[in-house]
Protein backbone atom coordinates (compact mmCIF):
# COMPACT_ATOMS: atom_id res chain seq x y z
CA MET A 1 67.14 -69.44 -5.05
CA ASP A 2 70.85 -68.90 -5.68
CA ALA A 3 72.92 -69.50 -2.55
CA GLU A 4 75.91 -67.41 -3.56
CA LEU A 5 76.85 -63.91 -4.54
CA PRO A 6 76.95 -63.79 -8.33
CA PRO A 7 80.35 -63.91 -10.06
CA LEU A 8 81.79 -60.59 -11.13
CA GLU A 9 80.89 -61.08 -14.80
CA GLY A 10 77.17 -61.21 -13.88
CA VAL A 11 77.28 -58.04 -11.79
CA VAL A 12 76.38 -54.44 -12.48
CA PHE A 13 77.35 -52.07 -9.69
CA LEU A 14 74.72 -49.37 -9.18
CA ASP A 15 74.72 -46.11 -7.26
CA ILE A 16 72.96 -42.76 -7.41
CA GLU A 17 73.87 -39.26 -6.28
CA THR A 18 71.19 -36.83 -5.13
CA THR A 19 70.78 -33.29 -3.84
CA GLY A 20 69.50 -34.67 -0.52
CA LEU A 21 67.72 -37.54 1.17
CA ASN A 22 64.08 -36.60 0.49
CA PRO A 23 62.82 -37.82 -2.90
CA TYR A 24 59.80 -35.51 -2.63
CA ARG A 25 61.89 -32.34 -2.69
CA ASP A 26 65.40 -33.40 -3.75
CA LYS A 27 66.46 -34.71 -7.15
CA VAL A 28 68.76 -37.22 -8.76
CA VAL A 29 72.11 -35.67 -9.73
CA ALA A 30 73.60 -38.80 -11.31
CA VAL A 31 72.96 -42.48 -11.82
CA GLN A 32 76.01 -44.61 -12.38
CA VAL A 33 76.59 -48.24 -13.23
CA ARG A 34 79.82 -50.18 -13.49
CA ARG A 35 80.06 -53.32 -15.58
CA GLY A 36 83.14 -55.12 -16.81
CA GLY A 37 85.41 -52.49 -15.25
CA VAL A 38 83.72 -49.63 -17.12
CA THR A 39 81.66 -46.95 -15.38
CA THR A 40 78.74 -45.32 -17.20
CA VAL A 41 77.26 -42.14 -15.73
CA TRP A 42 74.08 -40.29 -16.60
CA ARG A 43 74.55 -36.69 -15.41
CA GLU A 44 71.74 -34.31 -14.51
CA TRP A 45 73.78 -31.26 -15.54
CA GLU A 46 73.96 -32.66 -19.08
CA LEU A 47 70.65 -34.51 -19.48
CA GLY A 48 68.30 -33.05 -16.88
CA GLU A 49 66.78 -35.33 -14.27
CA PRO A 50 64.30 -36.96 -16.70
CA GLY A 51 67.18 -37.77 -19.08
CA VAL A 52 69.18 -39.36 -16.26
CA ILE A 53 66.26 -41.58 -15.29
CA GLU A 54 65.51 -42.45 -18.93
CA GLY A 55 69.19 -43.33 -19.42
CA PHE A 56 69.08 -45.74 -16.51
CA PHE A 57 65.86 -47.38 -17.74
CA GLY A 58 67.44 -47.70 -21.18
CA PHE A 59 70.36 -49.50 -19.57
CA THR A 60 68.08 -51.89 -17.64
CA ASP A 61 66.31 -52.66 -20.92
CA SER A 62 69.67 -53.48 -22.56
CA VAL A 63 70.81 -56.11 -20.06
CA PHE A 64 69.51 -59.62 -19.65
CA ARG A 65 67.91 -59.05 -16.25
CA LYS A 66 67.55 -62.74 -15.41
CA ARG A 67 71.33 -63.14 -15.44
CA THR A 68 72.34 -59.71 -14.19
CA HIS A 69 72.62 -58.77 -10.53
CA PHE A 70 72.63 -55.13 -9.51
CA VAL A 71 75.00 -54.68 -6.58
CA GLY A 72 75.19 -51.58 -4.42
CA TYR A 73 74.95 -50.22 -0.93
CA ASN A 74 71.52 -49.44 0.52
CA LEU A 75 69.84 -50.01 -2.84
CA LEU A 76 66.70 -51.43 -1.24
CA LYS A 77 66.12 -48.64 1.29
CA PHE A 78 67.43 -45.62 -0.61
CA ASP A 79 68.53 -45.79 -4.25
CA LEU A 80 65.65 -47.76 -5.75
CA PRO A 81 62.88 -46.05 -3.72
CA PHE A 82 64.42 -42.64 -4.53
CA LEU A 83 64.56 -43.50 -8.25
CA THR A 84 60.97 -44.76 -8.11
CA ARG A 85 59.70 -41.51 -6.59
CA ARG A 86 61.73 -39.29 -8.92
CA ALA A 87 60.57 -41.27 -11.96
CA GLU A 88 57.01 -40.75 -10.76
CA ALA A 89 57.58 -37.02 -10.15
CA ASN A 90 58.90 -36.65 -13.71
CA GLY A 91 56.01 -38.57 -15.28
CA LEU A 92 58.27 -41.48 -16.23
CA LEU A 93 56.90 -44.20 -13.96
CA GLY A 94 54.40 -46.52 -15.58
CA GLU A 95 53.47 -49.95 -14.34
CA GLU A 96 56.27 -51.69 -16.26
CA ARG A 97 58.96 -49.36 -14.92
CA TRP A 98 57.62 -49.72 -11.39
CA ARG A 99 58.00 -53.48 -11.79
CA ILE A 100 61.54 -53.08 -13.11
CA LEU A 101 62.60 -51.05 -10.07
CA ASN A 102 60.67 -53.02 -7.47
CA SER A 103 60.45 -56.60 -8.74
CA TYR A 104 62.42 -57.43 -11.87
CA LEU A 105 65.92 -56.35 -10.89
CA HIS A 106 67.99 -58.95 -9.07
CA VAL A 107 69.53 -56.89 -6.27
CA VAL A 108 72.43 -57.64 -3.95
CA ASP A 109 72.39 -54.94 -1.29
CA LEU A 110 75.74 -54.76 0.50
CA TYR A 111 74.02 -52.98 3.39
CA GLN A 112 72.26 -56.25 4.17
CA LEU A 113 75.65 -57.97 4.41
CA LEU A 114 77.84 -55.27 5.99
CA GLY A 115 75.44 -52.86 7.67
CA ASP A 116 77.07 -49.65 8.81
CA HIS A 117 80.55 -51.17 8.33
CA TYR A 118 80.34 -50.77 4.55
CA VAL A 119 82.08 -47.39 4.43
CA SER A 120 85.04 -48.47 6.55
CA ALA A 121 85.39 -51.75 4.62
CA LYS A 122 85.20 -49.93 1.27
CA LEU A 123 87.83 -47.41 2.36
CA PHE A 124 90.08 -50.19 3.68
CA TYR A 125 90.08 -52.13 0.39
CA ALA A 126 90.41 -48.94 -1.65
CA LYS A 127 93.45 -47.96 0.40
CA LEU A 128 95.00 -51.38 -0.21
CA ALA A 129 94.61 -50.68 -3.93
CA GLY A 130 96.24 -47.26 -3.55
CA ARG A 131 93.03 -45.24 -3.85
CA THR A 132 92.11 -42.40 -1.52
CA GLN A 133 88.73 -40.78 -1.13
CA THR A 134 88.89 -37.00 -0.59
CA THR A 135 85.23 -36.26 -1.34
CA ARG A 136 82.48 -37.69 0.83
CA ASN A 137 78.96 -38.61 -0.20
CA GLU A 138 77.49 -35.82 1.91
CA ASP A 139 79.59 -33.30 -0.09
CA ILE A 140 77.72 -34.07 -3.33
CA PRO A 141 74.78 -31.64 -2.87
CA THR A 142 77.16 -28.73 -2.15
CA LEU A 143 79.44 -29.65 -5.05
CA TYR A 144 76.43 -29.89 -7.34
CA HIS A 145 75.08 -26.47 -6.32
CA GLN A 146 78.57 -24.99 -6.80
CA GLY A 147 78.79 -26.50 -10.29
CA SER A 148 81.85 -28.56 -9.27
CA TYR A 149 80.92 -31.36 -11.64
CA GLN A 150 84.48 -32.61 -12.16
CA LYS A 151 84.80 -33.33 -8.42
CA ILE A 152 81.52 -35.21 -8.52
CA GLU A 153 82.78 -37.24 -11.49
CA GLU A 154 86.01 -38.09 -9.66
CA TYR A 155 84.03 -39.11 -6.58
CA ILE A 156 81.75 -41.32 -8.67
CA GLU A 157 84.60 -43.13 -10.41
CA ASN A 158 86.44 -43.66 -7.13
CA GLU A 159 83.25 -44.86 -5.44
CA MET A 160 82.43 -47.34 -8.20
CA GLN A 161 85.97 -48.76 -8.32
CA SER A 162 86.01 -49.07 -4.53
CA MET A 163 82.65 -50.86 -4.54
CA GLU A 164 83.98 -53.33 -7.09
CA LEU A 165 87.14 -53.93 -5.03
CA LEU A 166 85.08 -54.52 -1.90
CA TYR A 167 82.80 -56.96 -3.72
CA GLN A 168 85.79 -58.91 -5.06
CA ALA A 169 87.24 -59.06 -1.54
CA LEU A 170 83.93 -60.28 -0.07
CA LEU A 171 83.83 -63.19 -2.50
CA LYS A 172 87.15 -64.43 -1.08
CA GLN A 173 86.42 -64.03 2.64
CA ASP A 174 86.26 -67.13 4.82
CA PHE A 175 83.13 -65.90 6.60
CA TYR A 176 81.36 -65.57 3.27
CA GLN A 177 82.47 -69.02 2.11
CA ARG A 178 81.21 -70.50 5.41
CA LEU A 179 77.90 -68.67 4.98
CA VAL A 180 77.50 -70.06 1.46
CA GLN A 181 78.24 -73.58 2.71
CA LEU A 182 75.77 -73.21 5.59
CA ARG A 183 73.08 -72.03 3.21
CA ARG A 184 73.77 -74.95 0.85
CA ASN A 185 73.47 -77.38 3.76
CA ILE A 186 70.14 -75.88 4.78
CA THR A 187 68.66 -75.71 1.28
CA ASN A 188 69.78 -79.24 0.35
CA ARG A 189 67.91 -80.94 3.19
């Protein structure tokens, strides 16, 4: 097992936007990935929810999953389970796709590292880079229902850039370097 966070070139940042928190009644509004400084977004208002999910699966099929790590916040408890349920609801979830979402993707969940401090850390590093966040995640359902897609797009780009900045900062932190060294010491015994 790898003892370190993967280097930036092996990372795909992943996030989803939804109309709510319940995958049985709410839907996916957007799935976005960021790789190599470029954000790709599949938008429900252009593709429909099945098209968004198909777009994401197409992306996962295009990357070498053994060398790619999907990094995001709360991926394990929200994003991936939500995508799994919505893929199922849209008739898009076969056994292979279930495995992709639940077993084959290498996932680094920043929630596991930062807990509830993720938002404040992300905002701190974004502010250092001169970025400000005017839209909040909880605003997305209202913006979607109002048809304010441009605001959602701006939020997504800001969110993905901020996530990348936070990840880069984490790689340099002393506490992280000490954690990596401790893990190496334990695994090399």
